[in-house]
């Protein structure tokens, strides 16, 4: 994996963990949503820091459309 995208990959993975944490969601919906908002803001911040750089058009498309599963797959596979 390209080290440049490691923080984004970490945040995208954390997002997946939060989404799949059904126990937390069922027990504390507000706290679960707060965690999801927090990681989403971090992702937005990282993505906006990439806006000045030239990156693969397909990867840019995934980020612009918030296709985060595809973006993570690109980072792990193609982006290495």
N, C-alpha and C. Protein backbone atom coordinates (compact mmCIF):
# COMPACT_ATOMS: atom_id res chain seq x y z
N UNK A 1 0.84 -1.17 0.00
CA UNK A 1 0.00 0.00 0.00
C UNK A 1 0.89 1.24 0.00
N UNK A 2 0.47 2.23 -0.74
CA UNK A 2 1.17 3.51 -0.81
C UNK A 2 1.03 4.20 0.55
N UNK A 3 2.14 4.52 1.17
CA UNK A 3 2.12 5.15 2.51
C UNK A 3 1.37 6.47 2.51
N UNK A 4 1.32 7.14 1.38
CA UNK A 4 0.61 8.41 1.26
C UNK A 4 -0.88 8.25 1.61
N UNK A 5 -1.44 7.08 1.30
CA UNK A 5 -2.86 6.85 1.52
C UNK A 5 -3.15 6.06 2.79
N UNK A 6 -2.13 5.76 3.58
CA UNK A 6 -2.31 4.96 4.80
C UNK A 6 -3.30 5.59 5.79
N UNK A 7 -3.22 6.90 6.06
CA UNK A 7 -4.20 7.50 6.99
C UNK A 7 -5.64 7.37 6.48
N UNK A 8 -5.83 7.52 5.19
CA UNK A 8 -7.17 7.37 4.62
C UNK A 8 -7.63 5.93 4.74
N UNK A 9 -6.76 4.99 4.43
CA UNK A 9 -7.13 3.58 4.55
C UNK A 9 -7.50 3.24 5.99
N UNK A 10 -6.76 3.76 6.94
CA UNK A 10 -7.05 3.52 8.35
C UNK A 10 -8.43 4.06 8.72
N UNK A 11 -8.73 5.27 8.28
CA UNK A 11 -10.03 5.88 8.59
C UNK A 11 -11.17 5.12 7.90
N UNK A 12 -10.95 4.67 6.68
CA UNK A 12 -11.98 3.91 5.97
C UNK A 12 -12.24 2.57 6.66
N UNK A 13 -11.18 1.94 7.13
CA UNK A 13 -11.35 0.68 7.87
C UNK A 13 -12.10 0.92 9.18
N UNK A 14 -11.75 2.00 9.86
CA UNK A 14 -12.44 2.32 11.11
C UNK A 14 -13.93 2.55 10.85
N UNK A 15 -14.24 3.22 9.76
CA UNK A 15 -15.64 3.45 9.38
C UNK A 15 -16.38 2.13 9.23
N UNK A 16 -15.75 1.17 8.57
CA UNK A 16 -16.38 -0.15 8.39
C UNK A 16 -16.62 -0.84 9.73
N UNK A 17 -15.67 -0.72 10.64
CA UNK A 17 -15.82 -1.32 11.97
C UNK A 17 -17.00 -0.69 12.70
N UNK A 18 -17.10 0.62 12.63
CA UNK A 18 -18.19 1.32 13.30
C UNK A 18 -19.53 0.91 12.70
N UNK A 19 -19.61 0.88 11.39
CA UNK A 19 -20.86 0.51 10.73
C UNK A 19 -21.29 -0.90 11.14
N UNK A 20 -20.35 -1.80 11.28
CA UNK A 20 -20.69 -3.19 11.60
C UNK A 20 -20.88 -3.44 13.09
N UNK A 21 -20.71 -2.43 13.91
CA UNK A 21 -20.86 -2.58 15.36
C UNK A 21 -22.34 -2.45 15.75
N UNK A 22 -23.10 -3.49 15.45
CA UNK A 22 -24.54 -3.48 15.68
C UNK A 22 -24.87 -3.45 17.17
N UNK A 23 -24.04 -4.05 18.00
CA UNK A 23 -24.29 -4.04 19.44
C UNK A 23 -24.26 -2.60 19.97
N UNK A 24 -23.26 -1.85 19.55
CA UNK A 24 -23.18 -0.46 19.99
C UNK A 24 -24.35 0.34 19.43
N UNK A 25 -24.65 0.12 18.17
CA UNK A 25 -25.77 0.84 17.54
C UNK A 25 -27.09 0.56 18.27
N UNK A 26 -27.32 -0.71 18.63
CA UNK A 26 -28.56 -1.07 19.31
C UNK A 26 -28.61 -0.57 20.74
N UNK A 27 -27.45 -0.55 21.40
CA UNK A 27 -27.39 -0.14 22.81
C UNK A 27 -27.35 1.38 22.97
N UNK A 28 -26.62 2.05 22.07
CA UNK A 28 -26.42 3.50 22.19
C UNK A 28 -26.44 4.13 20.79
N UNK A 29 -27.63 4.26 20.21
CA UNK A 29 -27.71 4.78 18.83
C UNK A 29 -27.05 6.15 18.66
N UNK A 30 -27.23 7.02 19.63
CA UNK A 30 -26.65 8.36 19.52
C UNK A 30 -25.12 8.29 19.56
N UNK A 31 -24.57 7.51 20.47
CA UNK A 31 -23.12 7.36 20.55
C UNK A 31 -22.55 6.73 19.29
N UNK A 32 -23.27 5.77 18.75
CA UNK A 32 -22.85 5.10 17.51
C UNK A 32 -22.81 6.12 16.36
N UNK A 33 -23.85 6.93 16.28
CA UNK A 33 -23.90 7.95 15.24
C UNK A 33 -22.79 8.99 15.43
N UNK A 34 -22.51 9.33 16.67
CA UNK A 34 -21.42 10.28 16.94
C UNK A 34 -20.08 9.73 16.46
N UNK A 35 -19.84 8.45 16.73
CA UNK A 35 -18.59 7.81 16.26
C UNK A 35 -18.52 7.84 14.74
N UNK A 36 -19.66 7.56 14.10
CA UNK A 36 -19.69 7.55 12.64
C UNK A 36 -19.45 8.95 12.08
N UNK A 37 -20.03 9.95 12.70
CA UNK A 37 -19.80 11.34 12.27
C UNK A 37 -18.33 11.72 12.42
N UNK A 38 -17.75 11.33 13.54
CA UNK A 38 -16.35 11.68 13.80
C UNK A 38 -15.42 11.11 12.75
N UNK A 39 -15.59 9.83 12.44
CA UNK A 39 -14.71 9.22 11.44
C UNK A 39 -15.03 9.78 10.05
N UNK A 40 -16.28 10.10 9.78
CA UNK A 40 -16.64 10.69 8.49
C UNK A 40 -15.99 12.06 8.31
N UNK A 41 -15.94 12.84 9.38
CA UNK A 41 -15.28 14.14 9.31
C UNK A 41 -13.78 13.97 9.06
N UNK A 42 -13.19 12.97 9.70
CA UNK A 42 -11.76 12.70 9.47
C UNK A 42 -11.52 12.30 8.02
N UNK A 43 -12.39 11.46 7.48
CA UNK A 43 -12.27 11.05 6.08
C UNK A 43 -12.38 12.26 5.17
N UNK A 44 -13.38 13.12 5.42
CA UNK A 44 -13.55 14.32 4.61
C UNK A 44 -12.31 15.20 4.65
N UNK A 45 -11.72 15.33 5.83
CA UNK A 45 -10.52 16.16 5.97
C UNK A 45 -9.35 15.58 5.18
N UNK A 46 -9.19 14.29 5.27
CA UNK A 46 -8.09 13.64 4.53
C UNK A 46 -8.31 13.77 3.03
N UNK A 47 -9.54 13.52 2.60
CA UNK A 47 -9.86 13.60 1.17
C UNK A 47 -9.64 15.03 0.66
N UNK A 48 -10.04 16.02 1.43
CA UNK A 48 -9.84 17.40 0.97
C UNK A 48 -8.36 17.75 0.89
N UNK A 49 -7.53 17.11 1.71
CA UNK A 49 -6.09 17.36 1.63
C UNK A 49 -5.49 16.75 0.37
N UNK A 50 -6.21 15.82 -0.24
CA UNK A 50 -5.74 15.19 -1.48
C UNK A 50 -6.18 15.98 -2.71
N UNK A 51 -7.05 16.95 -2.53
CA UNK A 51 -7.65 17.63 -3.67
C UNK A 51 -6.64 18.36 -4.55
N UNK A 52 -5.54 18.80 -3.98
CA UNK A 52 -4.53 19.52 -4.76
C UNK A 52 -3.58 18.60 -5.50
N UNK A 53 -3.64 17.33 -5.19
CA UNK A 53 -2.71 16.39 -5.80
C UNK A 53 -3.35 15.71 -7.01
N UNK A 54 -2.51 15.33 -7.94
CA UNK A 54 -2.99 14.55 -9.06
C UNK A 54 -3.02 13.10 -8.63
N UNK A 55 -4.21 12.52 -8.65
CA UNK A 55 -4.35 11.11 -8.31
C UNK A 55 -5.16 10.42 -9.40
N UNK A 56 -5.09 9.14 -9.41
CA UNK A 56 -5.78 8.32 -10.39
C UNK A 56 -7.24 8.77 -10.52
N UNK A 57 -7.72 8.89 -11.75
CA UNK A 57 -9.07 9.39 -11.98
C UNK A 57 -10.14 8.47 -11.39
N UNK A 58 -9.92 7.17 -11.47
CA UNK A 58 -10.89 6.23 -10.92
C UNK A 58 -10.95 6.38 -9.40
N UNK A 59 -9.80 6.51 -8.78
CA UNK A 59 -9.73 6.70 -7.33
C UNK A 59 -10.42 8.01 -6.96
N UNK A 60 -10.17 9.06 -7.69
CA UNK A 60 -10.81 10.35 -7.45
C UNK A 60 -12.34 10.20 -7.55
N UNK A 61 -12.79 9.45 -8.55
CA UNK A 61 -14.23 9.21 -8.72
C UNK A 61 -14.81 8.53 -7.47
N UNK A 62 -14.13 7.51 -6.97
CA UNK A 62 -14.60 6.81 -5.77
C UNK A 62 -14.71 7.78 -4.59
N UNK A 63 -13.72 8.62 -4.42
CA UNK A 63 -13.74 9.56 -3.31
C UNK A 63 -14.84 10.61 -3.49
N UNK A 64 -14.98 11.13 -4.70
CA UNK A 64 -16.00 12.15 -4.96
C UNK A 64 -17.41 11.60 -4.74
N UNK A 65 -17.61 10.34 -5.08
CA UNK A 65 -18.93 9.72 -4.95
C UNK A 65 -19.13 9.03 -3.60
N UNK A 66 -18.10 9.14 -2.75
CA UNK A 66 -18.13 8.50 -1.43
C UNK A 66 -18.33 6.98 -1.51
N UNK A 67 -17.75 6.40 -2.53
CA UNK A 67 -17.73 4.95 -2.69
C UNK A 67 -16.52 4.43 -1.91
N UNK A 68 -16.65 4.48 -0.59
CA UNK A 68 -15.50 4.25 0.27
C UNK A 68 -15.01 2.81 0.25
N UNK A 69 -15.89 1.84 0.04
CA UNK A 69 -15.42 0.45 -0.07
C UNK A 69 -14.53 0.30 -1.29
N UNK A 70 -14.93 0.91 -2.39
CA UNK A 70 -14.14 0.85 -3.62
C UNK A 70 -12.84 1.63 -3.46
N UNK A 71 -12.90 2.76 -2.76
CA UNK A 71 -11.69 3.55 -2.53
C UNK A 71 -10.68 2.75 -1.71
N UNK A 72 -11.17 2.07 -0.68
CA UNK A 72 -10.28 1.26 0.14
C UNK A 72 -9.68 0.12 -0.67
N UNK A 73 -10.51 -0.53 -1.49
CA UNK A 73 -10.00 -1.61 -2.35
C UNK A 73 -8.94 -1.07 -3.30
N UNK A 74 -9.14 0.12 -3.81
CA UNK A 74 -8.15 0.73 -4.72
C UNK A 74 -6.84 0.96 -3.98
N UNK A 75 -6.93 1.51 -2.77
CA UNK A 75 -5.72 1.79 -1.99
C UNK A 75 -4.96 0.50 -1.73
N UNK A 76 -5.67 -0.52 -1.32
CA UNK A 76 -5.02 -1.78 -0.95
C UNK A 76 -4.49 -2.52 -2.16
N UNK A 77 -5.22 -2.47 -3.27
CA UNK A 77 -4.82 -3.21 -4.47
C UNK A 77 -4.06 -2.37 -5.45
N UNK A 78 -4.74 -1.53 -6.14
CA UNK A 78 -4.17 -0.73 -7.22
C UNK A 78 -3.21 0.32 -6.73
N UNK A 79 -3.49 0.88 -5.57
CA UNK A 79 -2.70 2.01 -5.10
C UNK A 79 -1.37 1.64 -4.48
N UNK A 80 -0.99 0.39 -4.59
CA UNK A 80 0.28 0.00 -3.96
C UNK A 80 1.46 0.32 -4.81
